[in-house]
Amino acid sequence: MNQATLHSIIVMGLACLLAGNTGCPLDFGQEKAEEDPITEDVVDMGGSEGSTWRIAYDERIDVTLKAGDQSQTAAISPLDGPVQMNGAIVDLGSLCWRPDMLCPQQVLPTETMILQVGRQLLVGFNRRGPLAALAQQAGLAASLDGREVTAPLNIAPADQGICGLGAASMLLATVGEAAEEDPEASTDPDETAEEETEGDPPSTADFMKGRINLAYTANCLILNGAAAMDPTVEVELSVGFTAKRY
């Protein structure tokens, strides 16, 4: 059984479980266990029965406008009102509730379920904006490599008029045990990777911290009659988060 086929079976099986069904295709048998490295010891984030995780987001969202080699970043709260950046007006208070978009703090609900088989995860998510294209899926497909969780979010829009998510759209996080948690630590996986990956990964993950990054073309941000931006400009919205397992 090749890895692509195995991944498809796991995602279908996890989706079956998350939907509350029984008899889901998660028993691959001894032969598969011997031939596929996915069954090697990995960090427990929920198992096939799943675990509940509670999500807390940072108060401010990093908004970055990129045009070629030039970029500008501002940390903005949805409560700040309209903010001008490079001649464009960014109003997260309005932007985040448009039906054709979503902001990074809206990707995962504040309480979600994570199901797991080996290194494959299925994460409960909010089906709105571009993620409405995944409405038939039981969860976001993610992978676990040691302590690192990765979930690609570059999703094409399901309907005309819905903003699509670009290649830089991604959920990246680092998992660990509760005893390792530092409430003052950064939620940027790049800044915490060195300290978090020292030694062997824990057998069970109790907390997770990372970032959710969503990339749009600039025309998705035009609001309130603001002058059209160069359509080649890219806009990235990024927010840090922490999660605890219950």
C-alpha atoms as a PDB file:
ATOM      1  CA  MET A   1       0.000   0.000   0.000  1.00  0.00           C
ATOM      2  CA  ASN A   2       1.573   3.312  -1.054  1.00  0.00           C
ATOM      3  CA  GLN A   3       1.548   6.416   1.130  1.00  0.00           C
ATOM      4  CA  ALA A   4      -0.967   8.318  -1.035  1.00  0.00           C
ATOM      5  CA  THR A   5      -3.493   5.482  -0.782  1.00  0.00           C
ATOM      6  CA  LEU A   6      -2.860   5.121   2.934  1.00  0.00           C
ATOM      7  CA  HIS A   7      -3.385   8.848   3.490  1.00  0.00           C
ATOM      8  CA  SER A   8      -6.724   8.725   1.635  1.00  0.00           C
ATOM      9  CA  ILE A   9      -7.907   5.768   3.709  1.00  0.00           C
ATOM     10  CA  ILE A  10      -6.907   7.483   6.947  1.00  0.00           C
ATOM     11  CA  VAL A  11      -8.669  10.737   6.050  1.00  0.00           C
ATOM     12  CA  MET A  12     -11.845   8.840   5.110  1.00  0.00           C
ATOM     13  CA  GLY A  13     -11.681   6.790   8.283  1.00  0.00           C
ATOM     14  CA  LEU A  14     -11.139   9.812  10.501  1.00  0.00           C
ATOM     15  CA  ALA A  15     -13.965  11.668   8.778  1.00  0.00           C
ATOM     16  CA  CYS A  16     -16.207   8.666   9.426  1.00  0.00           C
ATOM     17  CA  LEU A  17     -15.352   8.738  13.131  1.00  0.00           C
ATOM     18  CA  LEU A  18     -15.780  12.494  13.462  1.00  0.00           C
ATOM     19  CA  ALA A  19     -19.260  12.128  11.973  1.00  0.00           C
ATOM     20  CA  GLY A  20     -20.135   9.826  14.884  1.00  0.00           C
ATOM     21  CA  ASN A  21     -20.214   6.571  12.930  1.00  0.00           C
ATOM     22  CA  THR A  22     -18.966   3.143  13.987  1.00  0.00           C
ATOM     23  CA  GLY A  23     -17.208   0.468  11.974  1.00  0.00           C
ATOM     24  CA  CYS A  24     -14.965   3.067  10.364  1.00  0.00           C
ATOM     25  CA  PRO A  25     -12.024   1.882   8.208  1.00  0.00           C
ATOM     26  CA  LEU A  26      -9.204   2.466  10.698  1.00  0.00           C
ATOM     27  CA  ASP A  27      -8.071  -1.129  11.322  1.00  0.00           C
ATOM     28  CA  PHE A  28      -5.338  -1.651   8.746  1.00  0.00           C
ATOM     29  CA  GLY A  29      -4.178  -5.033  10.041  1.00  0.00           C
ATOM     30  CA  GLN A  30      -0.786  -6.414  11.015  1.00  0.00           C
ATOM     31  CA  GLU A  31       0.557  -6.593   7.457  1.00  0.00           C
ATOM     32  CA  LYS A  32       0.077  -2.866   6.936  1.00  0.00           C
ATOM     33  CA  ALA A  33       1.555  -2.054  10.327  1.00  0.00           C
ATOM     34  CA  GLU A  34       4.768  -3.843   9.414  1.00  0.00           C
ATOM     35  CA  GLU A  35       5.171  -2.152   6.048  1.00  0.00           C
ATOM     36  CA  ASP A  36       4.052   1.419   6.778  1.00  0.00           C
ATOM     37  CA  PRO A  37       6.192   3.704   9.014  1.00  0.00           C
ATOM     38  CA  ILE A  38       3.092   5.753   9.882  1.00  0.00           C
ATOM     39  CA  THR A  39       2.379   3.256  12.674  1.00  0.00           C
ATOM     40  CA  GLU A  40       5.677   3.981  14.454  1.00  0.00           C
ATOM     41  CA  ASP A  41       5.468   5.703  17.859  1.00  0.00           C
ATOM     42  CA  VAL A  42       4.239   9.268  17.464  1.00  0.00           C
ATOM     43  CA  VAL A  43       2.963  11.971  19.805  1.00  0.00           C
ATOM     44  CA  ASP A  44      -0.594  11.267  20.957  1.00  0.00           C
ATOM     45  CA  MET A  45      -2.826  14.227  20.070  1.00  0.00           C
ATOM     46  CA  GLY A  46      -6.189  12.518  20.280  1.00  0.00           C
ATOM     47  CA  GLY A  47      -6.098   9.011  18.906  1.00  0.00           C
ATOM     48  CA  SER A  48      -8.882   7.503  16.835  1.00  0.00           C
ATOM     49  CA  GLU A  49     -11.429   8.391  19.535  1.00  0.00           C
ATOM     50  CA  GLY A  50     -10.400  12.039  19.425  1.00  0.00           C
ATOM     51  CA  SER A  51      -9.633  14.683  22.035  1.00  0.00           C
ATOM     52  CA  THR A  52     -11.076  18.138  22.679  1.00  0.00           C
ATOM     53  CA  TRP A  53      -8.734  21.115  22.323  1.00  0.00           C
ATOM     54  CA  ARG A  54      -9.536  24.679  23.389  1.00  0.00           C
ATOM     55  CA  ILE A  55      -8.070  27.438  21.250  1.00  0.00           C
ATOM     56  CA  ALA A  56      -7.012  30.923  22.393  1.00  0.00           C
ATOM     57  CA  TYR A  57      -5.973  33.475  19.763  1.00  0.00           C
ATOM     58  CA  ASP A  58      -3.708  36.503  20.099  1.00  0.00           C
ATOM     59  CA  GLU A  59      -5.589  39.802  20.276  1.00  0.00           C
ATOM     60  CA  ARG A  60      -3.862  41.321  17.255  1.00  0.00           C
ATOM     61  CA  ILE A  61      -3.544  40.083  13.683  1.00  0.00           C
ATOM     62  CA  ASP A  62      -0.382  40.756  11.677  1.00  0.00           C
ATOM     63  CA  VAL A  63      -1.461  42.276   8.359  1.00  0.00           C
ATOM     64  CA  THR A  64       1.252  42.284   5.675  1.00  0.00           C
ATOM     65  CA  LEU A  65       0.995  43.897   2.244  1.00  0.00           C
ATOM     66  CA  LYS A  66       3.561  42.562  -0.239  1.00  0.00           C
ATOM     67  CA  ALA A  67       4.401  44.127  -3.592  1.00  0.00           C
ATOM     68  CA  GLY A  68       7.463  42.608  -5.202  1.00  0.00           C
ATOM     69  CA  ASP A  69      10.376  43.050  -2.780  1.00  0.00           C
ATOM     70  CA  GLN A  70       8.489  45.665  -0.763  1.00  0.00           C
ATOM     71  CA  SER A  71       6.357  44.793   2.243  1.00  0.00           C
ATOM     72  CA  GLN A  72       4.645  46.551   5.121  1.00  0.00           C
ATOM     73  CA  THR A  73       3.330  44.861   8.259  1.00  0.00           C
ATOM     74  CA  ALA A  74       1.045  46.210  10.956  1.00  0.00           C
ATOM     75  CA  ALA A  75      -0.370  44.464  14.034  1.00  0.00           C
ATOM     76  CA  ILE A  76      -4.074  45.314  13.997  1.00  0.00           C
ATOM     77  CA  SER A  77      -6.976  44.426  16.260  1.00  0.00           C
ATOM     78  CA  PRO A  78     -10.468  44.026  14.789  1.00  0.00           C
ATOM     79  CA  LEU A  79     -11.441  46.703  17.330  1.00  0.00           C
ATOM     80  CA  ASP A  80      -9.016  49.293  15.925  1.00  0.00           C
ATOM     81  CA  GLY A  81     -11.280  50.472  13.125  1.00  0.00           C
ATOM     82  CA  PRO A  82      -9.975  51.401   9.638  1.00  0.00           C
ATOM     83  CA  VAL A  83      -6.176  51.475   9.296  1.00  0.00           C
ATOM     84  CA  GLN A  84      -4.412  52.931   6.251  1.00  0.00           C
ATOM     85  CA  MET A  85      -1.551  50.888   4.787  1.00  0.00           C
ATOM     86  CA  ASN A  86       0.184  51.918   1.555  1.00  0.00           C
ATOM     87  CA  GLY A  87      -2.875  53.850   0.463  1.00  0.00           C
ATOM     88  CA  ALA A  88      -5.263  50.989   1.196  1.00  0.00           C
ATOM     89  CA  ILE A  89      -7.814  50.964   3.988  1.00  0.00           C
ATOM     90  CA  VAL A  90      -7.834  47.805   6.086  1.00  0.00           C
ATOM     91  CA  ASP A  91     -10.761  47.481   8.482  1.00  0.00           C
ATOM     92  CA  LEU A  92     -10.597  44.081  10.153  1.00  0.00           C
ATOM     93  CA  GLY A  93     -13.799  44.769  12.044  1.00  0.00           C
ATOM     94  CA  SER A  94     -15.652  44.666   8.710  1.00  0.00           C
ATOM     95  CA  LEU A  95     -13.318  42.396   6.779  1.00  0.00           C
ATOM     96  CA  CYS A  96     -13.509  39.442   9.141  1.00  0.00           C
ATOM     97  CA  TRP A  97     -17.290  39.209   8.882  1.00  0.00           C
ATOM     98  CA  ARG A  98     -17.628  39.372   5.122  1.00  0.00           C
ATOM     99  CA  PRO A  99     -19.210  36.145   3.835  1.00  0.00           C
ATOM    100  CA  ASP A 100     -16.611  35.805   1.058  1.00  0.00           C
ATOM    101  CA  MET A 101     -13.613  35.839   3.419  1.00  0.00           C
ATOM    102  CA  LEU A 102     -12.426  34.718   6.805  1.00  0.00           C
ATOM    103  CA  CYS A 103      -9.649  35.893   9.092  1.00  0.00           C
ATOM    104  CA  PRO A 104      -7.105  33.522  10.640  1.00  0.00           C
ATOM    105  CA  GLN A 105      -8.713  33.590  14.099  1.00  0.00           C
ATOM    106  CA  GLN A 106     -11.863  32.192  12.470  1.00  0.00           C
ATOM    107  CA  VAL A 107     -10.287  29.074  10.967  1.00  0.00           C
ATOM    108  CA  LEU A 108     -10.600  26.930  14.100  1.00  0.00           C
ATOM    109  CA  PRO A 109     -13.448  27.240  16.610  1.00  0.00           C
ATOM    110  CA  THR A 110     -12.506  28.050  20.200  1.00  0.00           C
ATOM    111  CA  GLU A 111     -13.222  24.425  21.054  1.00  0.00           C
ATOM    112  CA  THR A 112     -12.436  21.749  18.496  1.00  0.00           C
ATOM    113  CA  MET A 113     -11.867  18.018  18.133  1.00  0.00           C
ATOM    114  CA  ILE A 114      -8.652  16.434  16.862  1.00  0.00           C
ATOM    115  CA  LEU A 115      -8.695  12.842  15.629  1.00  0.00           C
ATOM    116  CA  GLN A 116      -5.512  10.960  14.840  1.00  0.00           C
ATOM    117  CA  VAL A 117      -4.166   7.837  13.188  1.00  0.00           C
ATOM    118  CA  GLY A 118      -0.385   7.754  13.285  1.00  0.00           C
ATOM    119  CA  ARG A 119       0.964  10.969  11.808  1.00  0.00           C
ATOM    120  CA  GLN A 120      -2.321  11.906  10.161  1.00  0.00           C
ATOM    121  CA  LEU A 121      -4.700  14.328  11.911  1.00  0.00           C
ATOM    122  CA  LEU A 122      -8.203  15.555  11.252  1.00  0.00           C
ATOM    123  CA  VAL A 123      -9.020  18.894  12.882  1.00  0.00           C
ATOM    124  CA  GLY A 124     -12.494  20.396  13.299  1.00  0.00           C
ATOM    125  CA  PHE A 125     -12.843  23.805  11.582  1.00  0.00           C
ATOM    126  CA  ASN A 126     -15.303  26.577  10.733  1.00  0.00           C
ATOM    127  CA  ARG A 127     -16.957  26.178   7.335  1.00  0.00           C
ATOM    128  CA  ARG A 128     -17.177  29.758   6.133  1.00  0.00           C
ATOM    129  CA  GLY A 129     -15.578  31.965   3.485  1.00  0.00           C
ATOM    130  CA  PRO A 130     -13.054  29.994   1.411  1.00  0.00           C
ATOM    131  CA  LEU A 131     -13.306  27.039   3.821  1.00  0.00           C
ATOM    132  CA  ALA A 132     -16.914  26.548   2.742  1.00  0.00           C
ATOM    133  CA  ALA A 133     -15.359  24.690  -0.205  1.00  0.00           C
ATOM    134  CA  LEU A 134     -14.561  21.921   2.299  1.00  0.00           C
ATOM    135  CA  ALA A 135     -18.093  21.737   3.693  1.00  0.00           C
ATOM    136  CA  GLN A 136     -18.341  18.021   2.867  1.00  0.00           C
ATOM    137  CA  GLN A 137     -15.166  17.200   4.763  1.00  0.00           C
ATOM    138  CA  ALA A 138     -15.333  16.251   8.433  1.00  0.00           C
ATOM    139  CA  GLY A 139     -12.161  18.197   9.235  1.00  0.00           C
ATOM    140  CA  LEU A 140      -8.949  19.794   8.007  1.00  0.00           C
ATOM    141  CA  ALA A 141      -6.301  17.258   7.051  1.00  0.00           C
ATOM    142  CA  ALA A 142      -3.029  17.883   8.923  1.00  0.00           C
ATOM    143  CA  SER A 143       0.210  15.988   9.412  1.00  0.00           C
ATOM    144  CA  LEU A 144       2.399  15.463  12.472  1.00  0.00           C
ATOM    145  CA  ASP A 145       6.183  15.247  12.169  1.00  0.00           C
ATOM    146  CA  GLY A 146       7.817  14.877  15.577  1.00  0.00           C
ATOM    147  CA  ARG A 147       6.461  17.928  17.421  1.00  0.00           C
ATOM    148  CA  GLU A 148       5.443  19.855  14.299  1.00  0.00           C
ATOM    149  CA  VAL A 149       1.858  20.077  13.019  1.00  0.00           C
ATOM    150  CA  THR A 150       1.257  21.291   9.461  1.00  0.00           C
ATOM    151  CA  ALA A 151      -2.080  21.891   7.744  1.00  0.00           C
ATOM    152  CA  PRO A 152      -2.063  23.455   4.255  1.00  0.00           C
ATOM    153  CA  LEU A 153      -4.884  25.978   3.769  1.00  0.00           C
ATOM    154  CA  ASN A 154      -4.359  27.013   0.129  1.00  0.00           C
ATOM    155  CA  ILE A 155      -7.944  26.410  -0.927  1.00  0.00           C
ATOM    156  CA  ALA A 156      -9.597  27.460  -4.170  1.00  0.00           C
ATOM    157  CA  PRO A 157     -12.966  29.207  -3.794  1.00  0.00           C
ATOM    158  CA  ALA A 158     -16.027  27.015  -4.219  1.00  0.00           C
ATOM    159  CA  ASP A 159     -18.174  29.768  -5.749  1.00  0.00           C
ATOM    160  CA  GLN A 160     -17.659  32.869  -7.837  1.00  0.00           C
ATOM    161  CA  GLY A 161     -17.233  35.913  -5.607  1.00  0.00           C
ATOM    162  CA  ILE A 162     -15.494  33.977  -2.821  1.00  0.00           C
ATOM    163  CA  CYS A 163     -11.873  34.903  -2.156  1.00  0.00           C
ATOM    164  CA  GLY A 164      -9.440  32.023  -2.577  1.00  0.00           C
ATOM    165  CA  LEU A 165      -6.507  31.303  -0.263  1.00  0.00           C
ATOM    166  CA  GLY A 166      -3.001  31.492  -1.724  1.00  0.00           C
ATOM    167  CA  ALA A 167      -0.047  29.125  -1.439  1.00  0.00           C
ATOM    168  CA  ALA A 168       1.289  30.802   1.730  1.00  0.00           C
ATOM    169  CA  SER A 169      -1.898  29.892   3.623  1.00  0.00           C
ATOM    170  CA  MET A 170      -0.915  27.438   6.333  1.00  0.00           C
ATOM    171  CA  LEU A 171      -1.429  26.337   9.920  1.00  0.00           C
ATOM    172  CA  LEU A 172       1.911  25.649  11.602  1.00  0.00           C
ATOM    173  CA  ALA A 173       2.223  24.635  15.245  1.00  0.00           C
ATOM    174  CA  THR A 174       4.472  22.936  17.777  1.00  0.00           C
ATOM    175  CA  VAL A 175       3.071  20.513  20.354  1.00  0.00           C
ATOM    176  CA  GLY A 176       4.385  19.642  23.808  1.00  0.00           C
ATOM    177  CA  GLU A 177       3.532  18.580  27.330  1.00  0.00           C
ATOM    178  CA  ALA A 178       1.810  20.840  29.848  1.00  0.00           C
ATOM    179  CA  ALA A 179       4.935  20.946  32.047  1.00  0.00           C
ATOM    180  CA  GLU A 180       6.832  22.586  29.157  1.00  0.00           C
ATOM    181  CA  GLU A 181       4.306  25.358  28.647  1.00  0.00           C
ATOM    182  CA  ASP A 182       5.579  28.920  28.939  1.00  0.00           C
ATOM    183  CA  PRO A 183       2.691  31.420  28.911  1.00  0.00           C
ATOM    184  CA  GLU A 184       5.075  34.220  27.949  1.00  0.00           C
ATOM    185  CA  ALA A 185       6.587  32.322  25.032  1.00  0.00           C
ATOM    186  CA  SER A 186       6.093  33.443  21.447  1.00  0.00           C
ATOM    187  CA  THR A 187       3.460  31.701  19.336  1.00  0.00           C
ATOM    188  CA  ASP A 188       5.753  31.862  16.304  1.00  0.00           C
ATOM    189  CA  PRO A 189       6.919  28.281  15.535  1.00  0.00           C
ATOM    190  CA  ASP A 190      10.109  29.621  13.928  1.00  0.00           C
ATOM    191  CA  GLU A 191      11.101  31.345  17.185  1.00  0.00           C
ATOM    192  CA  THR A 192      10.262  28.393  19.413  1.00  0.00           C
ATOM    193  CA  ALA A 193      11.347  25.469  17.241  1.00  0.00           C
ATOM    194  CA  GLU A 194      14.871  25.175  18.663  1.00  0.00           C
ATOM    195  CA  GLU A 195      13.831  25.030  22.319  1.00  0.00           C
ATOM    196  CA  GLU A 196      10.765  22.886  21.641  1.00  0.00           C
ATOM    197  CA  THR A 197      12.554  20.214  19.613  1.00  0.00           C
ATOM    198  CA  GLU A 198      15.348  19.513  22.092  1.00  0.00           C
ATOM    199  CA  GLY A 199      15.202  15.872  23.197  1.00  0.00           C
ATOM    200  CA  ASP A 200      12.634  13.283  22.196  1.00  0.00           C
ATOM    201  CA  PRO A 201       9.039  14.347  21.484  1.00  0.00           C
ATOM    202  CA  PRO A 202       6.610  13.705  24.375  1.00  0.00           C
ATOM    203  CA  SER A 203       4.391  10.625  24.247  1.00  0.00           C
ATOM    204  CA  THR A 204       1.282  12.759  24.780  1.00  0.00           C
ATOM    205  CA  ALA A 205       0.689  16.356  23.734  1.00  0.00           C
ATOM    206  CA  ASP A 206      -1.261  18.540  26.178  1.00  0.00           C
ATOM    207  CA  PHE A 207      -0.717  21.916  24.546  1.00  0.00           C
ATOM    208  CA  MET A 208       0.051  23.413  21.170  1.00  0.00           C
ATOM    209  CA  LYS A 209       1.162  26.839  19.985  1.00  0.00           C
ATOM    210  CA  GLY A 210       1.633  28.226  16.537  1.00  0.00           C
ATOM    211  CA  ARG A 211       0.289  30.517  13.844  1.00  0.00           C
ATOM    212  CA  ILE A 212      -2.389  30.505  11.202  1.00  0.00           C
ATOM    213  CA  ASN A 213      -1.485  32.415   8.053  1.00  0.00           C
ATOM    214  CA  LEU A 214      -3.953  33.267   5.277  1.00  0.00           C
ATOM    215  CA  ALA A 215      -2.834  34.791   1.971  1.00  0.00           C
ATOM    216  CA  TYR A 216      -5.163  36.710  -0.344  1.00  0.00           C
ATOM    217  CA  THR A 217      -4.808  38.894  -3.401  1.00  0.00           C
ATOM    218  CA  ALA A 218      -5.217  42.563  -2.550  1.00  0.00           C
ATOM    219  CA  ASN A 219      -8.531  43.021  -4.374  1.00  0.00           C
ATOM    220  CA  CYS A 220     -10.173  40.948  -1.633  1.00  0.00           C
ATOM    221  CA  LEU A 221      -9.446  43.706   0.895  1.00  0.00           C
ATOM    222  CA  ILE A 222     -10.995  46.651  -0.909  1.00  0.00           C
ATOM    223  CA  LEU A 223     -13.722  48.083   1.325  1.00  0.00           C
ATOM    224  CA  ASN A 224     -15.979  51.108   1.546  1.00  0.00           C
ATOM    225  CA  GLY A 225     -15.185  52.438  -1.917  1.00  0.00           C
ATOM    226  CA  ALA A 226     -11.432  52.603  -1.326  1.00  0.00           C
ATOM    227  CA  ALA A 227      -9.296  53.023  -4.435  1.00  0.00           C
ATOM    228  CA  ALA A 228      -8.458  49.701  -6.040  1.00  0.00           C
ATOM    229  CA  MET A 229      -5.062  48.347  -5.124  1.00  0.00           C
ATOM    230  CA  ASP A 230      -2.638  46.792  -7.579  1.00  0.00           C
ATOM    231  CA  PRO A 231      -4.086  43.276  -8.065  1.00  0.00           C
ATOM    232  CA  THR A 232      -0.564  41.818  -7.966  1.00  0.00           C
ATOM    233  CA  VAL A 233      -0.195  42.919  -4.349  1.00  0.00           C
ATOM    234  CA  GLU A 234      -0.461  40.045  -1.879  1.00  0.00           C
ATOM    235  CA  VAL A 235      -2.055  40.390   1.529  1.00  0.00           C
ATOM    236  CA  GLU A 236      -1.255  38.043   4.401  1.00  0.00           C
ATOM    237  CA  LEU A 237      -3.219  37.861   7.644  1.00  0.00           C
ATOM    238  CA  SER A 238      -1.473  35.984  10.437  1.00  0.00           C
ATOM    239  CA  VAL A 239      -2.373  35.310  14.056  1.00  0.00           C
ATOM    240  CA  GLY A 240      -0.721  33.382  16.862  1.00  0.00           C
ATOM    241  CA  PHE A 241      -2.658  30.874  18.917  1.00  0.00           C
ATOM    242  CA  THR A 242      -2.282  28.453  21.801  1.00  0.00           C
ATOM    243  CA  ALA A 243      -4.352  25.335  22.414  1.00  0.00           C
ATOM    244  CA  LYS A 244      -4.867  23.122  25.459  1.00  0.00           C
ATOM    245  CA  ARG A 245      -6.105  19.570  25.471  1.00  0.00           C
ATOM    246  CA  TYR A 246      -9.024  18.641  27.729  1.00  0.00           C
END
